[in-house]
Amino acid sequence: MDERSEGALRILGVDPGYAILGWGVVEYRASRYRLIGYGVFETDKDAPWPERLREIYSGLSGIVEEYRPGACAVEELFWGSNQKTAIKVGEARGAAVLACANAELPVYEYTPLQIKQALTGYGRAEKHQIQEMVRQVLGLETAPRPDDAADAVAAAICHANSSGYMERLERCMAKGEGR
């Protein structure tokens, strides 16, 4: 399933979670975006913890193999008051990062504030505002669902919008270095 556009870069976005992990693949070329694929991995709450981590790792490894992105953008963790949940999300995030690292895919990290700022211009934007911007940027009828997938797509778009990234991308594409 490698129908990528000439001179385009595919970016995998990941919204970490252990019950639900969102992923989205966006193609960027000449200041234009195209949604390639998105979805979520849901793990069984009754499965042993190591099995849930393996499912996340295997699932994301399969996405990387299928879509062959050139970069990965992962949302950094927001540390709330529940430390036990934060640790589990961190472990699931680690499984996702490892899947990308094992595929020699560069991984970039963005805070929720950075992602919101990149999409809406406002770091305190509400979830529905992010989803609407994802929909508009990609020219979709509706935003990707569930929310975790839309958040992952937002991380990918954020990476393409990051300071200096587009200029580096254009230079790499001109030299034929993009995937």
Foldseek 3Di string as FASTA:
>chain_A
DEPDDQLKFKEWFWEFAQQKIKIWIWIDDPLAIATDDIDIDGDDPPDDLVVSLVSLLVVLLVVCVVHVGQAYEYEDDDDDPDVVRSVSSVSSVVSNVVSCVVVVHHYHYDYCQLLCCLQPVGSVDDLVSLQVSLCVRNVHPGGDDDSNNSVRSSRRSSQCSDPPNVVVSVVCSVVVNHD
